[in-house]
Amino acid sequence: MYSQISNNKIKTWLMMIGFVVFITLVVWVLGEAMGYGRSWIAIGLIFSLMTSLGSYFWGDQVILAMSGAREANRQTDFDFFTVTENLAMAAGLPKPKLYVIPDTAMNAFATGRDPNHAIVCATSGILERLDRRELEGVIAHELSHIKNYDIRLMLIVGVLVGTLAFLADWFLRSLWWGGRRDRENRSGGGIFLVVGIVLAILSPILATIIQLAISRQREYLADASGAFITRYPEGLARALEKLSNDKEVLEAATNATAHLYITNPFKGKDFGSWFANIFNTHPPIEERIKRLRAM
């Protein structure tokens, strides 16, 4: 576990550096394609640096806003508060901030940049339909993501996916509205235009590949370390069974945030979920339950 934590910290910085290089390259290609030349490399570098730092410090707030989450209330969300307080104390962690997504679908996720700036978010559906022991299993799983520094990796990935989608949409709209300048007078401009269009079209796939850079093993690790916190793996196993049987799609989830949740929020009911299932970032629930019950 300690080795995994160290690896997650290193992967975060490597991912941020790689993203800066990648965005700079993409902006240069798009700049050439639109006729603005290499001067856009500096713009790309500044933009990618600002985005990486912004995702590090404020990405959790962006994800909460995208999810439509509200801050939890101790009186109305009493079990959520007390379970988290008890388990955070057992895990040796500061109590994270708690948020609720008003949706009857069952799911939960953790986000933030480190244990001192962490957030656990649950849907109203999961809080209403799990008993206390099952809720303990889910919260312990999310606290394990915090303790193992998975949240930092997941946070960076979520914001970077959104940035890539924004760049693709901006470029294609610029072409549609005639934003390219003097392309006929630039040698090789046609090649850059074709490459730029290909990059814009493939951005969703590239974004999914970034999500896949996070190993599926982190879910197994969070399951195992969560069971270690509660000393009761059956609680999480029963919760995962209920989550598996819940067929309601979580409307607040997007392809950019789906990998954050404890289970796939799309449930395989639309094109987005079909696409996500091909490049699934979650291990099979049946295998997770089997491993928990073998502990």
Protein backbone atom coordinates (compact mmCIF):
# COMPACT_ATOMS: atom_id res chain seq x y z
CA MET A 1 0.00 0.00 0.00
CA TYR A 2 2.79 2.42 0.84
CA SER A 3 4.44 1.67 -2.49
CA GLN A 4 1.13 2.39 -4.27
CA ILE A 5 0.83 5.74 -2.49
CA SER A 6 4.34 6.72 -3.57
CA ASN A 7 3.66 5.61 -7.14
CA ASN A 8 0.44 7.65 -7.24
CA LYS A 9 2.31 10.80 -6.20
CA ILE A 10 4.93 10.27 -8.92
CA LYS A 11 2.29 9.48 -11.56
CA THR A 12 0.47 12.70 -10.74
CA TRP A 13 3.47 14.89 -11.51
CA LEU A 14 4.37 12.87 -14.61
CA MET A 15 0.79 13.21 -15.84
CA MET A 16 0.79 16.98 -15.30
CA ILE A 17 4.12 17.38 -17.13
CA GLY A 18 2.96 15.13 -19.96
CA PHE A 19 -0.27 17.10 -20.23
CA VAL A 20 1.62 20.39 -20.55
CA VAL A 21 3.68 18.93 -23.40
CA PHE A 22 0.65 17.38 -25.09
CA ILE A 23 -1.52 20.51 -24.94
CA THR A 24 1.37 22.63 -26.24
CA LEU A 25 1.72 20.25 -29.20
CA VAL A 26 -2.02 20.26 -29.89
CA VAL A 27 -2.29 24.05 -29.73
CA TRP A 28 0.69 24.40 -32.09
CA VAL A 29 -0.94 22.04 -34.62
CA LEU A 30 -4.29 23.84 -34.33
CA GLY A 31 -2.56 27.22 -34.64
CA GLU A 32 -0.80 26.12 -37.83
CA ALA A 33 -4.05 24.68 -39.16
CA MET A 34 -5.86 27.99 -38.62
CA GLY A 35 -3.03 30.07 -40.06
CA TYR A 36 -1.70 31.64 -36.85
CA GLY A 37 1.75 30.02 -36.97
CA ARG A 38 4.11 29.01 -34.19
CA SER A 39 3.32 32.02 -32.02
CA TRP A 40 0.55 29.91 -30.52
CA ILE A 41 3.09 27.59 -28.87
CA ALA A 42 3.61 30.16 -26.09
CA ILE A 43 -0.14 30.49 -25.72
CA GLY A 44 -0.44 26.70 -25.53
CA LEU A 45 2.29 26.46 -22.90
CA ILE A 46 0.70 29.15 -20.72
CA PHE A 47 -2.77 27.64 -21.17
CA SER A 48 -1.63 24.12 -20.26
CA LEU A 49 0.32 25.32 -17.21
CA MET A 50 -2.65 27.31 -15.95
CA THR A 51 -5.01 24.39 -16.56
CA SER A 52 -2.75 21.91 -14.75
CA LEU A 53 -2.31 24.19 -11.74
CA GLY A 54 -5.99 25.07 -11.78
CA SER A 55 -6.98 21.41 -11.81
CA TYR A 56 -4.62 20.76 -8.90
CA PHE A 57 -5.98 23.54 -6.67
CA TRP A 58 -9.59 23.97 -7.83
CA GLY A 59 -10.45 20.85 -9.80
CA ASP A 60 -12.53 19.41 -6.95
CA GLN A 61 -14.82 22.46 -7.01
CA VAL A 62 -15.21 22.11 -10.79
CA ILE A 63 -16.22 18.46 -10.40
CA LEU A 64 -18.69 19.28 -7.62
CA ALA A 65 -20.24 22.01 -9.78
CA MET A 66 -20.51 19.60 -12.74
CA SER A 67 -22.20 17.06 -10.46
CA GLY A 68 -24.72 19.52 -9.00
CA ALA A 69 -23.68 18.55 -5.47
CA ARG A 70 -24.77 20.38 -2.31
CA GLU A 71 -22.91 20.50 0.99
CA ALA A 72 -24.15 17.84 3.40
CA ASN A 73 -26.09 18.83 6.51
CA ARG A 74 -25.36 17.07 9.80
CA GLN A 75 -29.01 16.91 10.82
CA THR A 76 -30.51 15.65 7.57
CA ASP A 77 -27.48 13.49 6.63
CA PHE A 78 -26.71 12.21 10.14
CA ASP A 79 -25.54 8.71 9.19
CA PHE A 80 -23.31 10.13 6.44
CA PHE A 81 -21.63 12.46 8.95
CA THR A 82 -21.20 10.03 11.83
CA VAL A 83 -20.02 7.10 9.70
CA THR A 84 -17.43 9.30 8.00
CA GLU A 85 -16.23 10.79 11.29
CA ASN A 86 -15.79 7.37 12.89
CA LEU A 87 -14.03 5.80 9.92
CA ALA A 88 -11.76 8.81 9.31
CA MET A 89 -10.63 8.55 12.94
CA ALA A 90 -9.99 4.81 12.53
CA ALA A 91 -8.00 5.44 9.33
CA GLY A 92 -5.96 8.27 10.88
CA LEU A 93 -7.31 10.83 8.41
CA PRO A 94 -8.82 14.31 8.82
CA LYS A 95 -12.58 14.22 8.28
CA PRO A 96 -13.19 15.18 4.63
CA LYS A 97 -15.83 17.67 3.55
CA LEU A 98 -19.10 15.96 2.71
CA TYR A 99 -21.40 16.65 -0.26
CA VAL A 100 -24.63 15.10 -1.52
CA ILE A 101 -25.85 14.77 -5.12
CA PRO A 102 -29.68 14.97 -5.10
CA ASP A 103 -30.26 11.92 -7.30
CA THR A 104 -32.00 8.63 -6.54
CA ALA A 105 -29.32 6.61 -8.38
CA MET A 106 -26.87 4.88 -6.03
CA ASN A 107 -23.24 6.00 -6.23
CA ALA A 108 -20.42 7.83 -4.46
CA PHE A 109 -16.94 9.22 -5.09
CA ALA A 110 -14.02 10.97 -3.39
CA THR A 111 -12.01 13.85 -4.78
CA GLY A 112 -9.45 16.46 -3.69
CA ARG A 113 -5.70 16.91 -3.90
CA ASP A 114 -4.58 15.36 -0.58
CA PRO A 115 -6.04 14.10 2.72
CA ASN A 116 -6.14 17.63 4.13
CA HIS A 117 -8.20 18.90 1.18
CA ALA A 118 -10.44 15.91 0.49
CA ILE A 119 -14.13 15.58 -0.32
CA VAL A 120 -16.47 12.59 -0.17
CA CYS A 121 -19.64 12.91 -2.22
CA ALA A 122 -22.60 10.52 -2.17
CA THR A 123 -25.94 10.49 -3.93
CA SER A 124 -29.13 10.81 -1.92
CA GLY A 125 -30.11 7.41 -3.31
CA ILE A 126 -27.17 5.56 -1.78
CA LEU A 127 -27.63 7.30 1.57
CA GLU A 128 -31.30 6.30 1.69
CA ARG A 129 -31.04 2.70 0.50
CA LEU A 130 -27.94 1.31 2.26
CA ASP A 131 -27.98 0.20 5.87
CA ARG A 132 -25.30 1.54 8.19
CA ARG A 133 -22.86 -1.38 7.81
CA GLU A 134 -23.12 -1.19 4.01
CA LEU A 135 -22.63 2.58 4.09
CA GLU A 136 -19.53 2.04 6.24
CA GLY A 137 -18.10 -0.21 3.52
CA VAL A 138 -18.67 2.42 0.81
CA ILE A 139 -17.27 5.30 2.89
CA ALA A 140 -14.24 3.22 3.91
CA HIS A 141 -13.60 2.52 0.21
CA GLU A 142 -13.67 6.26 -0.56
CA LEU A 143 -11.48 7.10 2.44
CA SER A 144 -8.98 4.54 1.12
CA HIS A 145 -8.82 6.44 -2.17
CA ILE A 146 -7.97 9.52 -0.10
CA LYS A 147 -5.35 7.76 2.00
CA ASN A 148 -3.76 6.12 -1.06
CA TYR A 149 -3.66 9.46 -2.97
CA ASP A 150 -5.84 8.03 -5.73
CA ILE A 151 -7.98 11.18 -5.46
CA ARG A 152 -5.17 13.37 -6.76
CA LEU A 153 -4.76 11.23 -9.86
CA MET A 154 -8.53 11.03 -10.44
CA LEU A 155 -8.92 14.78 -9.97
CA ILE A 156 -6.24 15.62 -12.52
CA VAL A 157 -7.69 13.15 -15.02
CA GLY A 158 -11.22 14.51 -14.71
CA VAL A 159 -10.21 18.11 -15.40
CA LEU A 160 -7.79 17.21 -18.21
CA VAL A 161 -10.47 15.22 -20.00
CA GLY A 162 -12.73 18.26 -19.89
CA THR A 163 -9.95 20.49 -21.21
CA LEU A 164 -9.30 18.21 -24.18
CA ALA A 165 -13.00 18.18 -25.01
CA PHE A 166 -13.10 21.99 -24.84
CA LEU A 167 -10.13 22.33 -27.21
CA ALA A 168 -11.68 19.96 -29.73
CA ASP A 169 -15.02 21.76 -29.65
CA TRP A 170 -13.38 25.20 -29.94
CA PHE A 171 -11.30 24.18 -32.96
CA LEU A 172 -14.19 22.58 -34.87
CA ARG A 173 -16.42 25.60 -34.20
CA SER A 174 -13.64 27.92 -35.41
CA LEU A 175 -13.43 25.99 -38.68
CA TRP A 176 -17.20 26.08 -39.09
CA TRP A 177 -17.31 29.85 -38.63
CA GLY A 178 -14.33 30.48 -40.91
CA GLY A 179 -11.77 31.12 -38.20
CA ARG A 180 -8.77 29.95 -40.23
CA ARG A 181 -6.66 32.79 -41.65
CA ASP A 182 -4.60 32.84 -44.83
CA ARG A 183 -4.35 29.07 -45.09
CA GLU A 184 -3.96 29.24 -48.84
CA ASN A 185 -0.71 31.22 -48.49
CA ARG A 186 0.99 28.91 -45.99
CA SER A 187 3.01 25.93 -47.24
CA GLY A 188 1.91 22.72 -45.62
CA GLY A 189 -1.18 24.41 -44.21
CA GLY A 190 -3.40 21.71 -45.66
CA ILE A 191 -1.48 19.01 -43.79
CA PHE A 192 -1.80 20.84 -40.49
CA LEU A 193 -5.50 21.35 -41.17
CA VAL A 194 -6.04 17.63 -41.71
CA VAL A 195 -3.98 16.73 -38.62
CA GLY A 196 -5.86 19.33 -36.59
CA ILE A 197 -9.24 17.92 -37.62
CA VAL A 198 -8.08 14.37 -36.82
CA LEU A 199 -6.84 15.50 -33.38
CA ALA A 200 -10.12 17.27 -32.68
CA ILE A 201 -12.16 14.21 -33.64
CA LEU A 202 -9.96 11.81 -31.66
CA SER A 203 -9.85 13.94 -28.50
CA PRO A 204 -12.62 11.96 -26.73
CA ILE A 205 -10.70 8.74 -27.38
CA LEU A 206 -7.43 10.31 -26.19
CA ALA A 207 -9.24 11.52 -23.09
CA THR A 208 -10.45 7.99 -22.39
CA ILE A 209 -6.90 6.69 -22.80
CA ILE A 210 -5.81 9.16 -20.11
CA GLN A 211 -8.49 7.70 -17.86
CA LEU A 212 -7.13 4.24 -18.57
CA ALA A 213 -3.69 5.40 -17.39
CA ILE A 214 -5.10 4.90 -13.89
CA SER A 215 -4.81 1.21 -13.14
CA ARG A 216 -7.93 -0.82 -12.48
CA GLN A 217 -5.97 -2.24 -9.55
CA ARG A 218 -6.58 0.98 -7.58
CA GLU A 219 -10.22 -0.12 -7.14
CA TYR A 220 -9.11 -3.49 -5.81
CA LEU A 221 -6.64 -1.72 -3.51
CA ALA A 222 -9.36 0.64 -2.21
CA ASP A 223 -11.68 -2.34 -1.61
CA ALA A 224 -8.98 -4.18 0.33
CA SER A 225 -7.81 -1.20 2.39
CA GLY A 226 -11.44 -0.18 3.02
CA ALA A 227 -12.16 -3.65 4.39
CA PHE A 228 -9.05 -3.29 6.57
CA ILE A 229 -10.48 -0.07 8.04
CA THR A 230 -13.90 -1.53 8.87
CA ARG A 231 -12.66 -5.09 9.60
CA TYR A 232 -15.90 -6.16 7.87
CA PRO A 233 -15.51 -6.86 4.11
CA GLU A 234 -19.07 -8.20 3.92
CA GLY A 235 -20.46 -4.68 4.38
CA LEU A 236 -18.84 -3.42 1.15
CA ALA A 237 -19.67 -6.69 -0.64
CA ARG A 238 -23.38 -6.28 0.17
CA ALA A 239 -23.25 -2.60 -0.86
CA LEU A 240 -21.68 -3.52 -4.22
CA GLU A 241 -24.44 -6.09 -4.78
CA LYS A 242 -27.07 -3.42 -4.26
CA LEU A 243 -25.18 -1.02 -6.53
CA SER A 244 -24.98 -3.72 -9.19
CA ASN A 245 -28.75 -4.32 -9.02
CA ASP A 246 -29.52 -0.59 -9.27
CA LYS A 247 -30.17 0.07 -12.97
CA GLU A 248 -30.83 3.81 -12.68
CA VAL A 249 -28.45 6.05 -14.65
CA LEU A 250 -26.83 8.86 -12.66
CA GLU A 251 -27.79 11.95 -14.66
CA ALA A 252 -25.13 14.15 -13.03
CA ALA A 253 -22.29 11.95 -14.32
CA THR A 254 -20.39 12.62 -17.55
CA ASN A 255 -17.73 10.69 -19.47
CA ALA A 256 -15.21 13.09 -17.89
CA THR A 257 -16.22 12.16 -14.31
CA ALA A 258 -17.47 8.56 -14.66
CA HIS A 259 -14.14 7.08 -13.53
CA LEU A 260 -14.45 8.85 -10.16
CA TYR A 261 -17.45 6.86 -8.97
CA ILE A 262 -17.34 3.62 -7.02
CA THR A 263 -19.25 1.89 -9.87
CA ASN A 264 -20.02 2.79 -13.48
CA PRO A 265 -22.75 5.49 -13.23
CA PHE A 266 -24.12 4.90 -16.74
CA LYS A 267 -25.35 1.30 -16.24
CA GLY A 268 -24.97 0.54 -19.97
CA LYS A 269 -28.13 2.32 -21.17
CA ASP A 270 -26.92 4.85 -23.71
CA PHE A 271 -24.17 5.47 -26.25
CA GLY A 272 -21.96 7.14 -23.66
CA SER A 273 -22.13 4.09 -21.43
CA TRP A 274 -21.53 1.74 -24.40
CA PHE A 275 -18.41 3.75 -25.23
CA ALA A 276 -17.31 3.76 -21.59
CA ASN A 277 -17.79 0.00 -21.27
CA ILE A 278 -15.39 -0.63 -24.15
CA PHE A 279 -12.70 1.29 -22.25
CA ASN A 280 -13.88 0.43 -18.75
CA THR A 281 -11.89 1.94 -15.88
CA HIS A 282 -13.70 -0.20 -13.27
CA PRO A 283 -13.08 -3.88 -12.55
CA PRO A 284 -16.11 -6.21 -12.78
CA ILE A 285 -18.27 -5.89 -9.67
CA GLU A 286 -18.62 -9.67 -9.47
CA GLU A 287 -14.82 -10.03 -9.18
CA ARG A 288 -14.65 -7.29 -6.54
CA ILE A 289 -17.34 -9.03 -4.47
CA LYS A 290 -15.57 -12.38 -4.86
CA ARG A 291 -12.30 -10.93 -3.59
CA LEU A 292 -13.97 -9.24 -0.64
CA ARG A 293 -15.70 -12.44 0.44
CA ALA A 294 -12.44 -14.37 0.13
CA MET A 295 -10.75 -12.13 2.73
